Amino acid sequence: MSECLTPPRRTDPTGTGNAIGMVKLFRHYVPHAVLALGLLDLALLVVAAEAGWIYRAGQIGMVVEPIATRIPQLLSFALCVQLSMIAVGVYGTEALQSLRFAAARLMVAISLGIILLSLVYFLLPDFSLWRSNLFYAMMLSSALLIGMRVLMGRTLGGQVFKRRIVVLGAGPRAARIKALAQARGAGFAVAGYVGMHEGTAAIVEAVDRDAIPNLAAHVVRLNASEVVLALEERRNALPMQDLLRIRTTGVHVNEISTFLERETGRVDLDSVNPSWLIFSDGFSSGRRLSSIAKRLFDLCASLLLLVVTLPIIAIAAVAVKLESRGPAFFRQVRVGLYGQDFSIVKLRSMREGAEMPGEARWTEKNDPRITRVGRLIRKTRIDELPQLWTVLKGEMSFVGPRPERPQFVADLENRLRFYAERHMVKPGITGWAQINYPYGASIEDARRKLEYDLYYAKNYTPFLDLLILIQTARVILWPEGAR
């Protein structure tokens, strides 16, 4: 076949092979599998609430009025339970792959949903269901949600919803994509690799470019929805004519940095370069309204939570004081917005004199400096509660990169590219790195957390803040990453 021939336009009668197989909500990608599952769950929750209502009405001989008369009650139940499901990780990779894991998280989510509903019903009595209705709805929703996952089996986490990609490149970068595709819960499958004359190949099954008469036609035959550039050296190596023809067939073309950002939820430091950060979508300047809304939320929420958690802080402070000598609270200098130093207040979780003056040490696993009370308040994040005062003052936010100590920052800025860029957003109590990566105390851990922090700084929206706040509940309930 001649290279000048026009490749056939790809056909996709099912409609599943779109550009990336994801829906972009407020700059954040949501896989089709997760979106489909969430919508199906929402419908099942409404069905469970309605069935519970009808069953209870039949028990007491009450006439069942049209469903339109109780829409607020049904939706309040469905939305509160689904919010709890998001919070505890029902839509995470493990839950899509393991029925046992999903069932356990569903039980916790439904229990949390009932607690949340109690608060909603207290504030909005007109939205409430009877306790008997609520009980039946809870039982029915448990059965429906678990039953639906049993019927679907591994479909949602299997090959059906995976996007097919073709990788241009056969070197170490292509090998990274291969490893990611083989990881549990990967949302894509590699349909083929094309060697682009990059020297020693790391992918033995790659087809040499010279053996493919028409690259665009080759991509279409593989039914790929995306081509990923994983070239080791792009200078004077980009096959522009090939890429143009591929793009005109309806197949999307992305470079590896953009692809990895979307698939992993972090900015990959191994592949990214300054020009990508400068010219890629993100770091929007149109954030004035979002920043105002964020500050108003921080003010109201921190003030309310300080009032509500004051007894918890007081009890924890007494416990800290009784177990070990020294003050219950301590101040520590951290690096904040634009690299400015500020002080945070925390409940003391280590013994007095754990560090020499001016010394800064990473917290280790099973760190002997941590007291018994300290270990408990760290796992439950109670030691962080006094930082609400710092949020109230405006030096921190609820959501943002965790502020580090100046000694660590000076070292990390010398060792890690783009580390200073994480200080372009206000630090927070919780953040994208905190909910996606366990507590770490090494340069490699700091590097991985930096990748998540850069993703947050680049893609910040109020929606992402809300998602982080909701999923922080999962970190508190299962604090395996706390030290």
Foldseek 3Di string as FASTA:
>chain_A
DAQPDFAAQFDDVVPLQAAAQWDQDLNATDHPLLVVLLVVLLVQLLVLLVVLVVVVCVVVVHDDDDPVVQVLLSNLLSVLLSLLLLQQQLSPLVNLQDLVVNLVSSVVSLVRSVVVVVVVCVVPVVNHDPPSSSVRSSVSSSCVSSVVCVVCPNVSQDDVSAAEEEEEAFAPQVVVVVVLQPDRSFRYDYLAYEHQPQPDGPHPRHHYPVVDNYLLNVCSVSVGQEYEYRHPDDVVRDPVVNQVSNVVSNRYYYYSQVVCCNRPVFGDQVPDDPVCLVPPAFLDPPCPVVVVVQLVCLQVVLVVLCVVCVVVLVVLQVVLVVPAPDGQKDWAWFQWALRDIDIAIFGDQFHPCPDDVPDDAFQDVVRPRGDPSSVVCQLLVVRVSSRSVVSNVPQAGAEAAATDHPVVLVVLPVVGPPQSVSNNDGHHPWYQLPLNDAADGDSVSVRVSSRNRVSCSTSPDVVRVVSRVSNVSNCNVVVPRTD
